[in-house]
Amino acid sequence: MVVFGIFIVFTMGIVIRASRTTKSASDFYTASGGFSGTQNGFAIAGDYLSAASFLGIAGAIAVQGYDGFLYSIGFLVAWLVALLLVAELMRNTGRFTMADVLSFRLKQRPVRMAAALATLAVCLFYLIAQMAGAGGLVALLLNVEGKTGQSIVVAVVGVLMILYVLIGGMKGTTYVQMIKAVLLVGGVLIMCVLVLIAVRGNFSELLSAAIDRSGEPLTTPGLKYGATDTSKLDFVSLGIALVFGTAGLPHVLMRFYTVPTAKEARRSVTWAIVLIGAFYLFTLVLGFGAAAMVGSDVIKAAPGGVNSAAPLLAYALGGEIFMGIISAVAFATILAVVAGLAISASASLAHDIYNGVIKHGQASEDQQLRVSRITVVVIGIVAIVLGIGAMGQNIAFLVALAFAVAASANLPTIIYSLFWRRFNTRGALFSIYGGLISTLVLIFFSPAVSGSETSMVTGADWAIFPLSNPGIISIPFGFLMGIIGTYLGTSDEFPDKEAEMEVRSMTGVGVEKAVSH
């Protein structure tokens, strides 16, 4: 608890100091593009390496072995899609939010509304995962039994998240994310070194010990996704969602606007890939180390379930103090990610819906900031309630659902907006709403929500869709609906804007000016 307290006081001090320079909407949303590529790369890593990455994947590998490591592979490979397709072009074209790009050459109000709703859906799924992870983590550290105690923990995380964002905006959040990235990668590196020292650097010995302790063939593919044809198809669906989801995550895309140039945007993604790639390699050692030194049965029986693998491994390696340090790092991970998500969601509501739709682009910066701050409070409360309901779920799995929504609703529209000249407003609305609605409906009728032992709703069964992740259906459907809507709509609605967007996406000229029509 002392370690937790020190971290919270330290980071809150940084956030308060950053708040002194947060005066405008640009400061609040994007820190006025004042961060370097290296700084932003660390912040992106801090934003992306969530509780799912640290707690969920380590637990998945410890319990499911090879199949659990597939999460690491998917999350890492996804960055190549983000780097090659969207990072530079998004930075050059938009100003604050994803909707700035999607609505640039289309009708502003309907596209901004659709993009904002898709952003909120992704952020809520992501927030649920982080909150659930926080409940399990602190419950393990404090040995909190029962749902009431864990619910209180989730509520405390929600309140801290609200304070970070309200006080510091994007600048304060970015500093917290940079610190968290250093702490997380450093902490995980120390754990990996200790695990490898314990097995005298022999990774084969570590794998053998993990298999012997768990009694499961952890190195054999198919432990989770190979039992039936349905589970194999579920794996393919999961992989597609993970690989294509990152390029559509609004809170990650928003980070590209915190750097001054497209060159810095590319540099930030390069740094992020280095840090994220190293981290996901470390998860392999963490997962099998937890299986070997803690045991899958102990992990499953812990208050946080499979999400407890990394803290329990820290306890096995260094006792209570080391466990406290690693748990504090994990807690920092959760706080940094939920703050970034809250910023993204509040920007969408204030900048896209309030200013772009309700006020027709005429709202003052003070009005937008006020709406943003109110939105942060509301989102925090909703996230607390939903996080309490999702406690006990594997948070890597919950985040995979957020990736499915992002890849189905956001990515098709981003790709078509940037690369397809004929693309029009109806195509954008069809792809966003088609991808979003199909994903949400399939998730609701999937085993993820009901019908299995690990479902969110226990004791009920309305699962008629067999796959836990809908990506294999919803992502192609989102792309298809974009094509159908485009050919049903009117082409060349704003031909001058199409030409301007092409020039701007390649050069970044004029990006500092908000454009509406």
Protein backbone atom coordinates (compact mmCIF):
# COMPACT_ATOMS: atom_id res chain seq x y z
CA MET A 1 0.00 0.00 0.00
CA VAL A 2 2.94 2.35 0.66
CA VAL A 3 4.22 1.74 -2.87
CA PHE A 4 0.73 2.42 -4.25
CA GLY A 5 0.51 5.65 -2.26
CA ILE A 6 3.93 6.89 -3.39
CA PHE A 7 3.07 6.30 -7.05
CA ILE A 8 -0.31 8.05 -6.82
CA VAL A 9 1.13 11.10 -5.00
CA PHE A 10 4.06 11.33 -7.45
CA THR A 11 1.94 11.09 -10.60
CA MET A 12 -0.75 13.39 -9.24
CA GLY A 13 1.95 16.00 -8.61
CA ILE A 14 3.05 15.71 -12.25
CA VAL A 15 -0.55 16.02 -13.44
CA ILE A 16 -1.15 19.12 -11.32
CA ARG A 17 2.02 20.72 -12.66
CA ALA A 18 0.97 19.93 -16.25
CA SER A 19 -2.46 21.47 -15.60
CA ARG A 20 -0.89 24.94 -15.31
CA THR A 21 -0.30 24.97 -19.07
CA THR A 22 -3.63 23.38 -20.04
CA LYS A 23 -5.58 26.46 -21.11
CA SER A 24 -7.22 25.68 -24.47
CA ALA A 25 -9.09 22.83 -26.13
CA SER A 26 -5.94 22.04 -28.11
CA ASP A 27 -3.98 21.74 -24.85
CA PHE A 28 -6.62 19.51 -23.28
CA TYR A 29 -7.09 17.16 -26.27
CA THR A 30 -3.63 16.94 -27.85
CA ALA A 31 -1.20 18.97 -25.67
CA SER A 32 -1.02 21.36 -28.68
CA GLY A 33 1.22 18.88 -30.54
CA GLY A 34 4.10 19.72 -28.23
CA PHE A 35 5.67 16.27 -27.67
CA SER A 36 8.60 14.80 -29.59
CA GLY A 37 8.38 11.51 -31.45
CA THR A 38 10.44 9.75 -28.79
CA GLN A 39 8.27 11.08 -25.96
CA ASN A 40 5.12 10.16 -27.84
CA GLY A 41 6.50 6.70 -28.61
CA PHE A 42 6.91 6.05 -24.89
CA ALA A 43 3.43 7.47 -24.27
CA ILE A 44 1.91 5.27 -26.99
CA ALA A 45 3.57 2.24 -25.41
CA GLY A 46 2.18 3.36 -22.07
CA ASP A 47 -1.27 3.78 -23.61
CA TYR A 48 -1.20 0.50 -25.52
CA LEU A 49 0.38 -1.81 -22.94
CA SER A 50 -2.76 -2.10 -20.89
CA ALA A 51 -3.82 -4.34 -18.04
CA ALA A 52 -4.75 -6.84 -20.74
CA SER A 53 -1.15 -6.92 -21.93
CA PHE A 54 0.44 -7.29 -18.51
CA LEU A 55 -2.10 -9.18 -16.42
CA GLY A 56 -4.35 -10.85 -18.99
CA ILE A 57 -1.71 -12.19 -21.38
CA ALA A 58 0.60 -13.41 -18.62
CA GLY A 59 -2.35 -15.27 -17.12
CA ALA A 60 -3.45 -16.62 -20.50
CA ILE A 61 0.04 -18.02 -21.19
CA ALA A 62 0.29 -19.49 -17.69
CA VAL A 63 -3.02 -21.34 -18.09
CA GLN A 64 -3.30 -21.89 -21.86
CA GLY A 65 0.36 -21.92 -22.91
CA TYR A 66 0.95 -21.50 -26.63
CA ASP A 67 -2.63 -20.40 -27.30
CA GLY A 68 -2.29 -17.62 -24.73
CA PHE A 69 0.83 -16.30 -26.46
CA LEU A 70 -1.26 -15.75 -29.59
CA TYR A 71 -2.58 -12.58 -27.92
CA SER A 72 0.97 -11.21 -27.75
CA ILE A 73 1.60 -11.98 -31.41
CA GLY A 74 -1.65 -10.35 -32.52
CA PHE A 75 -1.19 -7.20 -30.43
CA LEU A 76 2.37 -6.73 -31.77
CA VAL A 77 1.78 -7.47 -35.46
CA ALA A 78 -1.13 -5.01 -35.38
CA TRP A 79 1.36 -2.14 -35.08
CA LEU A 80 2.71 -2.84 -38.54
CA VAL A 81 -0.76 -2.16 -39.94
CA ALA A 82 -0.98 1.07 -37.93
CA LEU A 83 2.49 2.21 -39.05
CA LEU A 84 2.14 1.37 -42.74
CA LEU A 85 -1.45 2.46 -43.29
CA VAL A 86 -2.64 5.17 -40.94
CA ALA A 87 -0.07 6.81 -38.60
CA GLU A 88 1.36 9.49 -40.88
CA LEU A 89 -1.80 10.08 -42.91
CA MET A 90 -3.97 10.46 -39.80
CA ARG A 91 -1.50 12.94 -38.29
CA ASN A 92 -1.48 15.02 -41.47
CA THR A 93 -5.24 15.11 -41.97
CA GLY A 94 -6.84 15.50 -38.54
CA ARG A 95 -6.55 17.84 -35.62
CA PHE A 96 -8.15 16.41 -32.47
CA THR A 97 -10.11 13.21 -33.12
CA MET A 98 -10.61 10.35 -35.55
CA ALA A 99 -13.81 12.02 -36.77
CA ASP A 100 -11.77 14.98 -38.08
CA VAL A 101 -10.33 12.64 -40.70
CA LEU A 102 -13.50 10.67 -41.45
CA SER A 103 -15.64 13.79 -41.95
CA PHE A 104 -13.03 15.90 -43.77
CA ARG A 105 -14.45 15.51 -47.28
CA LEU A 106 -17.90 14.27 -46.30
CA LYS A 107 -20.99 15.77 -44.66
CA GLN A 108 -19.80 16.80 -41.23
CA ARG A 109 -22.74 16.26 -38.89
CA PRO A 110 -23.86 12.68 -39.69
CA VAL A 111 -20.30 11.34 -40.06
CA ARG A 112 -19.10 13.02 -36.86
CA MET A 113 -22.05 11.57 -34.96
CA ALA A 114 -21.38 8.06 -36.29
CA ALA A 115 -17.62 8.27 -35.61
CA ALA A 116 -18.22 9.56 -32.08
CA LEU A 117 -20.61 6.71 -31.27
CA ALA A 118 -18.10 4.15 -32.56
CA THR A 119 -15.37 5.81 -30.46
CA LEU A 120 -17.53 5.61 -27.35
CA ALA A 121 -18.27 1.91 -27.97
CA VAL A 122 -14.57 1.04 -28.29
CA CYS A 123 -13.61 3.12 -25.26
CA LEU A 124 -16.30 1.55 -23.08
CA PHE A 125 -15.24 -2.03 -23.91
CA TYR A 126 -11.63 -1.10 -23.22
CA LEU A 127 -12.54 0.66 -19.97
CA ILE A 128 -14.51 -2.35 -18.75
CA ALA A 129 -11.39 -4.52 -19.16
CA GLN A 130 -9.13 -2.09 -17.29
CA MET A 131 -11.59 -1.67 -14.42
CA ALA A 132 -12.06 -5.43 -14.06
CA GLY A 133 -8.28 -5.84 -13.97
CA ALA A 134 -7.95 -3.19 -11.27
CA GLY A 135 -10.49 -4.94 -9.06
CA GLY A 136 -8.75 -8.29 -9.28
CA LEU A 137 -5.26 -6.82 -8.86
CA VAL A 138 -5.87 -4.84 -5.68
CA ALA A 139 -8.12 -7.56 -4.28
CA LEU A 140 -5.16 -9.95 -4.61
CA LEU A 141 -2.71 -7.53 -3.03
CA LEU A 142 -4.97 -6.72 -0.07
CA ASN A 143 -6.49 -10.20 0.09
CA VAL A 144 -9.95 -8.72 -0.42
CA GLU A 145 -12.57 -11.44 -0.55
CA GLY A 146 -16.02 -11.03 -2.02
CA LYS A 147 -17.48 -8.84 -4.73
CA THR A 148 -18.18 -5.87 -2.45
CA GLY A 149 -14.52 -5.23 -1.63
CA GLN A 150 -13.46 -5.56 -5.25
CA SER A 151 -16.28 -3.25 -6.31
CA ILE A 152 -14.93 -0.57 -3.96
CA VAL A 153 -11.49 -0.97 -5.55
CA VAL A 154 -12.98 -0.50 -9.04
CA ALA A 155 -14.76 2.64 -7.84
CA VAL A 156 -11.50 4.07 -6.44
CA VAL A 157 -9.74 3.49 -9.78
CA GLY A 158 -12.60 5.25 -11.57
CA VAL A 159 -12.36 8.28 -9.28
CA LEU A 160 -8.57 8.52 -9.73
CA MET A 161 -8.98 8.29 -13.51
CA ILE A 162 -11.49 11.16 -13.44
CA LEU A 163 -9.12 13.31 -11.38
CA TYR A 164 -6.11 12.66 -13.65
CA VAL A 165 -8.02 13.72 -16.76
CA LEU A 166 -9.92 16.64 -15.24
CA ILE A 167 -6.77 18.15 -13.80
CA GLY A 168 -4.07 17.38 -16.37
CA GLY A 169 -5.77 16.85 -19.71
CA MET A 170 -3.69 15.24 -22.47
CA LYS A 171 -0.42 16.76 -21.27
CA GLY A 172 -0.71 15.34 -17.74
CA THR A 173 -1.99 12.02 -19.07
CA THR A 174 0.95 11.77 -21.49
CA TYR A 175 3.52 12.29 -18.74
CA VAL A 176 1.85 9.60 -16.65
CA GLN A 177 1.89 7.24 -19.65
CA MET A 178 5.59 7.85 -20.30
CA ILE A 179 6.47 7.13 -16.68
CA LYS A 180 4.27 4.07 -16.67
CA ALA A 181 5.90 2.70 -19.86
CA VAL A 182 9.36 2.93 -18.29
CA LEU A 183 8.15 1.35 -15.04
CA LEU A 184 6.26 -1.44 -16.79
CA VAL A 185 8.95 -2.48 -19.27
CA GLY A 186 11.62 -2.15 -16.57
CA GLY A 187 9.62 -4.12 -14.02
CA VAL A 188 8.82 -6.89 -16.48
CA LEU A 189 12.49 -7.05 -17.56
CA ILE A 190 13.59 -7.52 -13.93
CA MET A 191 11.01 -10.28 -13.46
CA CYS A 192 12.19 -12.05 -16.62
CA VAL A 193 15.83 -11.86 -15.51
CA LEU A 194 14.92 -13.34 -12.11
CA VAL A 195 12.93 -16.16 -13.75
CA LEU A 196 15.80 -17.00 -16.11
CA ILE A 197 18.31 -16.91 -13.23
CA ALA A 198 16.11 -19.42 -11.38
CA VAL A 199 16.40 -21.85 -14.31
CA ARG A 200 20.07 -20.97 -14.97
CA GLY A 201 19.19 -19.38 -18.31
CA ASN A 202 17.78 -22.64 -19.66
CA PHE A 203 14.47 -21.77 -21.32
CA SER A 204 13.79 -25.44 -22.11
CA GLU A 205 14.03 -26.21 -18.41
CA LEU A 206 11.49 -23.46 -17.74
CA LEU A 207 9.06 -24.95 -20.26
CA SER A 208 9.47 -28.43 -18.79
CA ALA A 209 8.87 -27.14 -15.25
CA ALA A 210 5.73 -25.28 -16.43
CA ILE A 211 4.35 -28.43 -18.07
CA ASP A 212 5.14 -30.57 -15.04
CA ARG A 213 3.61 -28.12 -12.55
CA SER A 214 0.42 -27.46 -14.53
CA GLY A 215 -0.12 -30.97 -15.86
CA GLU A 216 -1.08 -29.48 -19.24
CA PRO A 217 0.78 -29.60 -22.59
CA LEU A 218 1.38 -25.85 -22.53
CA THR A 219 3.75 -25.86 -25.49
CA THR A 220 1.31 -27.67 -27.75
CA PRO A 221 -1.03 -25.58 -29.93
CA GLY A 222 -4.75 -26.10 -29.41
CA LEU A 223 -5.08 -26.16 -25.63
CA LYS A 224 -7.78 -23.48 -25.88
CA TYR A 225 -8.49 -23.09 -29.59
CA GLY A 226 -7.95 -26.57 -30.94
CA ALA A 227 -10.55 -28.81 -29.33
CA THR A 228 -13.29 -28.26 -31.94
CA ASP A 229 -13.73 -26.72 -35.36
CA THR A 230 -15.63 -23.88 -33.71
CA SER A 231 -12.76 -23.08 -31.37
CA LYS A 232 -10.32 -23.09 -34.31
CA LEU A 233 -12.56 -20.64 -36.15
CA ASP A 234 -12.74 -18.56 -32.98
CA PHE A 235 -8.95 -18.35 -32.99
CA VAL A 236 -8.92 -17.09 -36.58
CA SER A 237 -11.57 -14.54 -35.67
CA LEU A 238 -9.55 -13.40 -32.65
CA GLY A 239 -6.38 -13.06 -34.74
CA ILE A 240 -8.12 -10.93 -37.38
CA ALA A 241 -9.59 -8.64 -34.70
CA LEU A 242 -6.24 -8.17 -32.96
CA VAL A 243 -4.24 -7.48 -36.12
CA PHE A 244 -6.68 -4.98 -37.63
CA GLY A 245 -8.04 -3.48 -34.43
CA THR A 246 -5.08 -1.29 -33.42
CA ALA A 247 -5.31 0.88 -36.53
CA GLY A 248 -8.89 1.73 -35.54
CA LEU A 249 -8.43 2.40 -31.81
CA PRO A 250 -9.46 6.04 -31.27
CA HIS A 251 -7.35 6.62 -28.15
CA VAL A 252 -4.24 5.36 -29.98
CA LEU A 253 -4.99 7.34 -33.16
CA MET A 254 -5.47 10.47 -31.05
CA ARG A 255 -1.87 10.19 -29.85
CA PHE A 256 -0.61 10.98 -33.38
CA TYR A 257 -1.95 14.53 -32.95
CA THR A 258 0.32 15.23 -29.96
CA VAL A 259 3.44 15.53 -32.17
CA PRO A 260 4.25 18.52 -34.41
CA THR A 261 5.08 16.77 -37.70
CA ALA A 262 4.41 13.60 -39.69
CA LYS A 263 8.08 12.67 -39.31
CA GLU A 264 7.67 12.72 -35.54
CA ALA A 265 4.50 10.62 -35.91
CA ARG A 266 6.51 7.94 -37.75
CA ARG A 267 9.28 8.15 -35.16
CA SER A 268 6.79 7.76 -32.32
CA VAL A 269 5.36 4.59 -33.86
CA THR A 270 8.87 3.20 -34.38
CA TRP A 271 9.72 3.77 -30.72
CA ALA A 272 6.39 2.28 -29.70
CA ILE A 273 7.05 -0.88 -31.74
CA VAL A 274 10.49 -1.32 -30.11
CA LEU A 275 9.08 -1.02 -26.58
CA ILE A 276 5.92 -3.01 -27.28
CA GLY A 277 7.84 -5.75 -29.13
CA ALA A 278 10.28 -6.19 -26.26
CA PHE A 279 7.43 -6.30 -23.77
CA TYR A 280 5.48 -8.99 -25.62
CA LEU A 281 8.57 -11.18 -25.83
CA PHE A 282 8.91 -10.78 -22.07
CA THR A 283 5.31 -12.00 -21.56
CA LEU A 284 6.40 -15.42 -22.80
CA VAL A 285 8.87 -15.73 -19.92
CA LEU A 286 6.35 -14.30 -17.44
CA GLY A 287 3.57 -16.67 -18.45
CA PHE A 288 5.63 -19.86 -18.38
CA GLY A 289 7.44 -18.60 -15.28
CA ALA A 290 4.11 -18.24 -13.48
CA ALA A 291 3.05 -21.71 -14.62
CA ALA A 292 6.32 -23.20 -13.36
CA MET A 293 6.72 -21.33 -10.07
CA VAL A 294 3.12 -20.68 -9.03
CA GLY A 295 1.05 -23.29 -10.84
CA SER A 296 -2.10 -22.89 -12.94
CA ASP A 297 -4.37 -24.24 -10.17
CA VAL A 298 -3.18 -21.60 -7.70
CA ILE A 299 -3.56 -18.88 -10.33
CA LYS A 300 -7.13 -19.89 -11.17
CA ALA A 301 -8.09 -19.99 -7.48
CA ALA A 302 -6.68 -16.50 -6.69
CA PRO A 303 -9.10 -13.56 -6.12
CA GLY A 304 -8.25 -12.08 -9.51
CA GLY A 305 -8.37 -15.40 -11.38
CA VAL A 306 -6.02 -15.75 -14.34
CA ASN A 307 -5.25 -12.02 -14.13
CA SER A 308 -3.31 -12.74 -10.91
CA ALA A 309 -0.48 -14.66 -12.60
CA ALA A 310 2.04 -11.78 -12.83
CA PRO A 311 1.61 -10.51 -9.22
CA LEU A 312 1.75 -14.08 -7.87
CA LEU A 313 4.94 -14.70 -9.85
CA ALA A 314 6.40 -11.50 -8.37
CA TYR A 315 5.57 -12.81 -4.90
CA ALA A 316 7.28 -16.13 -5.68
CA LEU A 317 10.37 -14.30 -6.95
CA GLY A 318 10.80 -11.57 -4.35
CA GLY A 319 8.22 -11.75 -1.61
CA GLU A 320 5.66 -9.17 -0.51
CA ILE A 321 7.71 -6.05 -1.27
CA PHE A 322 8.45 -7.08 -4.86
CA MET A 323 4.83 -8.12 -5.31
CA GLY A 324 3.79 -4.69 -4.05
CA ILE A 325 6.10 -2.95 -6.51
CA ILE A 326 4.89 -5.01 -9.48
CA SER A 327 1.27 -4.56 -8.42
CA ALA A 328 1.83 -0.80 -8.20
CA VAL A 329 3.27 -0.89 -11.73
CA ALA A 330 0.20 -2.81 -12.89
CA PHE A 331 -2.00 -0.27 -11.12
CA ALA A 332 -0.11 2.52 -12.92
CA THR A 333 -0.73 0.64 -16.16
CA ILE A 334 -4.46 0.66 -15.55
CA LEU A 335 -4.61 4.32 -14.50
CA ALA A 336 -2.61 5.51 -17.52
CA VAL A 337 -4.72 3.56 -20.00
CA VAL A 338 -8.10 4.53 -18.55
CA ALA A 339 -7.03 8.19 -18.52
CA GLY A 340 -6.16 7.98 -22.23
CA LEU A 341 -9.49 6.32 -22.99
CA ALA A 342 -11.40 8.95 -21.04
CA ILE A 343 -9.64 11.76 -22.94
CA SER A 344 -10.54 10.13 -26.27
CA ALA A 345 -14.17 9.60 -25.32
CA SER A 346 -14.61 13.10 -23.92
CA ALA A 347 -13.00 14.66 -27.01
CA SER A 348 -15.43 12.77 -29.25
CA LEU A 349 -18.45 13.95 -27.30
CA ALA A 350 -17.32 17.57 -26.89
CA HIS A 351 -15.51 18.18 -30.19
CA ASP A 352 -17.52 15.94 -32.52
CA ILE A 353 -21.05 15.75 -31.09
CA TYR A 354 -21.39 18.98 -29.09
CA ASN A 355 -19.34 21.30 -31.30
CA GLY A 356 -19.65 19.58 -34.68
CA VAL A 357 -23.26 18.37 -34.55
CA ILE A 358 -25.17 20.37 -31.96
CA LYS A 359 -23.40 23.74 -32.28
CA HIS A 360 -22.54 23.43 -36.02
CA GLY A 361 -18.86 24.08 -35.30
CA GLN A 362 -19.55 27.37 -33.50
CA ALA A 363 -18.94 26.34 -29.87
CA SER A 364 -16.23 28.27 -28.04
CA GLU A 365 -13.19 26.52 -26.59
CA ASP A 366 -14.44 27.22 -23.06
CA GLN A 367 -17.75 25.54 -23.88
CA GLN A 368 -15.98 22.52 -25.37
CA LEU A 369 -13.71 22.18 -22.35
CA ARG A 370 -16.67 22.36 -19.98
CA VAL A 371 -18.53 19.64 -21.90
CA SER A 372 -15.35 17.53 -22.02
CA ARG A 373 -14.92 17.64 -18.28
CA ILE A 374 -18.57 16.80 -17.62
CA THR A 375 -18.22 13.89 -20.06
CA VAL A 376 -15.17 12.55 -18.22
CA VAL A 377 -17.18 12.34 -15.01
CA VAL A 378 -20.10 10.56 -16.72
CA ILE A 379 -17.82 8.12 -18.54
CA GLY A 380 -15.99 7.38 -15.30
CA ILE A 381 -19.25 6.50 -13.52
CA VAL A 382 -20.42 4.27 -16.40
CA ALA A 383 -17.01 2.53 -16.52
CA ILE A 384 -17.16 1.85 -12.78
CA VAL A 385 -20.60 0.22 -13.06
CA LEU A 386 -19.67 -1.90 -16.10
CA GLY A 387 -16.26 -2.79 -14.63
CA ILE A 388 -17.91 -4.17 -11.51
CA GLY A 389 -20.13 -6.34 -13.70
CA ALA A 390 -17.14 -7.72 -15.63
CA MET A 391 -14.95 -8.71 -12.67
CA GLY A 392 -13.49 -12.19 -12.99
CA GLN A 393 -13.30 -12.09 -16.81
CA ASN A 394 -9.95 -12.51 -18.56
CA ILE A 395 -9.19 -8.91 -19.45
CA ALA A 396 -7.14 -9.83 -22.54
CA PHE A 397 -10.32 -11.40 -23.90
CA LEU A 398 -12.39 -8.29 -23.05
CA VAL A 399 -9.90 -6.04 -24.83
CA ALA A 400 -10.09 -8.32 -27.87
CA LEU A 401 -13.78 -7.43 -28.09
CA ALA A 402 -12.85 -3.72 -28.15
CA PHE A 403 -10.42 -4.50 -30.99
CA ALA A 404 -13.23 -6.22 -32.89
CA VAL A 405 -15.43 -3.11 -32.61
CA ALA A 406 -12.54 -0.85 -33.71
CA ALA A 407 -11.62 -3.05 -36.68
CA SER A 408 -15.25 -3.44 -37.81
CA ALA A 409 -16.58 0.10 -37.40
CA ASN A 410 -13.56 2.42 -37.60
CA LEU A 411 -10.90 0.81 -39.79
CA PRO A 412 -13.01 0.35 -42.99
CA THR A 413 -14.08 4.00 -42.88
CA ILE A 414 -10.51 5.20 -42.21
CA ILE A 415 -9.08 3.16 -45.08
CA TYR A 416 -11.81 4.21 -47.53
CA SER A 417 -11.56 7.89 -46.50
CA LEU A 418 -7.81 7.98 -47.01
CA PHE A 419 -7.47 5.86 -50.16
CA TRP A 420 -10.78 5.68 -52.11
CA ARG A 421 -11.72 8.80 -54.06
CA ARG A 422 -15.31 7.72 -54.75
CA PHE A 423 -16.07 7.12 -51.07
CA ASN A 424 -18.96 9.28 -49.87
CA THR A 425 -21.06 10.11 -46.83
CA ARG A 426 -23.51 7.23 -47.24
CA GLY A 427 -20.63 4.81 -47.56
CA ALA A 428 -19.11 6.15 -44.33
CA LEU A 429 -22.41 5.82 -42.44
CA PHE A 430 -23.01 2.32 -43.80
CA SER A 431 -19.51 1.12 -42.85
CA ILE A 432 -19.49 2.68 -39.36
CA TYR A 433 -23.00 1.73 -38.34
CA GLY A 434 -22.88 -1.61 -40.17
CA GLY A 435 -19.62 -2.63 -38.51
CA LEU A 436 -20.64 -1.28 -35.10
CA ILE A 437 -24.12 -2.78 -34.96
CA SER A 438 -23.07 -6.16 -36.37
CA THR A 439 -20.25 -6.42 -33.82
CA LEU A 440 -22.40 -5.47 -30.84
CA VAL A 441 -25.23 -7.80 -31.87
CA LEU A 442 -22.90 -10.76 -32.44
CA ILE A 443 -21.14 -10.13 -29.11
CA PHE A 444 -24.49 -9.98 -27.29
CA PHE A 445 -25.57 -13.33 -28.75
CA SER A 446 -22.15 -14.97 -28.27
CA PRO A 447 -20.75 -17.19 -25.49
CA ALA A 448 -18.84 -14.13 -24.29
CA VAL A 449 -22.06 -12.78 -22.77
CA SER A 450 -24.07 -15.91 -21.91
CA GLY A 451 -24.18 -19.66 -22.22
CA SER A 452 -20.80 -20.73 -20.81
CA GLU A 453 -18.97 -20.92 -17.48
CA THR A 454 -16.85 -17.87 -18.30
CA SER A 455 -19.68 -15.70 -19.67
CA MET A 456 -20.34 -12.21 -18.32
CA VAL A 457 -23.90 -13.23 -17.42
CA THR A 458 -23.91 -16.52 -15.53
CA GLY A 459 -26.93 -18.79 -15.24
CA ALA A 460 -28.43 -17.64 -18.55
CA ASP A 461 -28.10 -18.79 -22.15
CA TRP A 462 -29.19 -16.85 -25.22
CA ALA A 463 -26.00 -17.53 -27.20
CA ILE A 464 -26.99 -18.35 -30.77
CA PHE A 465 -23.69 -17.15 -32.35
CA PRO A 466 -21.00 -19.80 -31.64
CA LEU A 467 -17.86 -17.61 -31.69
CA SER A 468 -16.66 -15.57 -28.72
CA ASN A 469 -15.03 -12.96 -30.95
CA PRO A 470 -17.10 -11.77 -33.96
CA GLY A 471 -14.21 -10.29 -35.98
CA ILE A 472 -14.27 -12.88 -38.77
CA ILE A 473 -17.84 -11.83 -39.62
CA SER A 474 -18.12 -8.20 -38.54
CA ILE A 475 -14.87 -6.87 -40.07
CA PRO A 476 -15.57 -8.02 -43.66
CA PHE A 477 -19.18 -6.90 -43.15
CA GLY A 478 -18.01 -3.38 -42.24
CA PHE A 479 -15.86 -3.18 -45.39
CA LEU A 480 -18.70 -4.57 -47.51
CA MET A 481 -21.25 -2.10 -46.13
CA GLY A 482 -18.89 0.76 -46.98
CA ILE A 483 -18.79 -0.38 -50.60
CA ILE A 484 -22.57 -0.86 -50.79
CA GLY A 485 -23.29 2.52 -49.20
CA THR A 486 -20.83 4.29 -51.53
CA TYR A 487 -22.47 2.96 -54.68
CA LEU A 488 -25.94 3.76 -53.33
CA GLY A 489 -24.91 7.32 -52.43
CA THR A 490 -23.90 10.38 -54.42
CA SER A 491 -20.29 10.58 -55.53
CA ASP A 492 -18.16 13.73 -55.48
CA GLU A 493 -20.21 15.48 -52.80
CA PHE A 494 -17.28 17.82 -52.07
CA PRO A 495 -14.74 17.29 -54.89
CA ASP A 496 -12.58 20.22 -53.74
CA LYS A 497 -12.32 18.68 -50.27
CA GLU A 498 -11.25 15.33 -51.75
CA ALA A 499 -8.33 16.98 -53.54
CA GLU A 500 -7.42 19.01 -50.44
CA MET A 501 -7.49 15.90 -48.26
CA GLU A 502 -5.19 14.04 -50.65
CA VAL A 503 -2.64 16.86 -50.56
CA ARG A 504 -2.93 17.32 -46.81
CA SER A 505 -2.59 13.60 -46.04
CA MET A 506 0.68 13.51 -47.97
CA THR A 507 2.14 16.83 -46.79
CA GLY A 508 0.36 17.93 -43.61
CA VAL A 509 -0.16 21.44 -45.06
CA GLY A 510 -2.99 23.26 -43.27
CA VAL A 511 -3.49 20.69 -40.55
CA GLU A 512 -3.57 23.35 -37.84
CA LYS A 513 -6.82 24.76 -39.24
CA ALA A 514 -10.14 23.19 -38.30
CA VAL A 515 -12.16 22.58 -41.46
CA SER A 516 -15.94 22.33 -41.62
CA HIS A 517 -18.55 22.83 -44.30
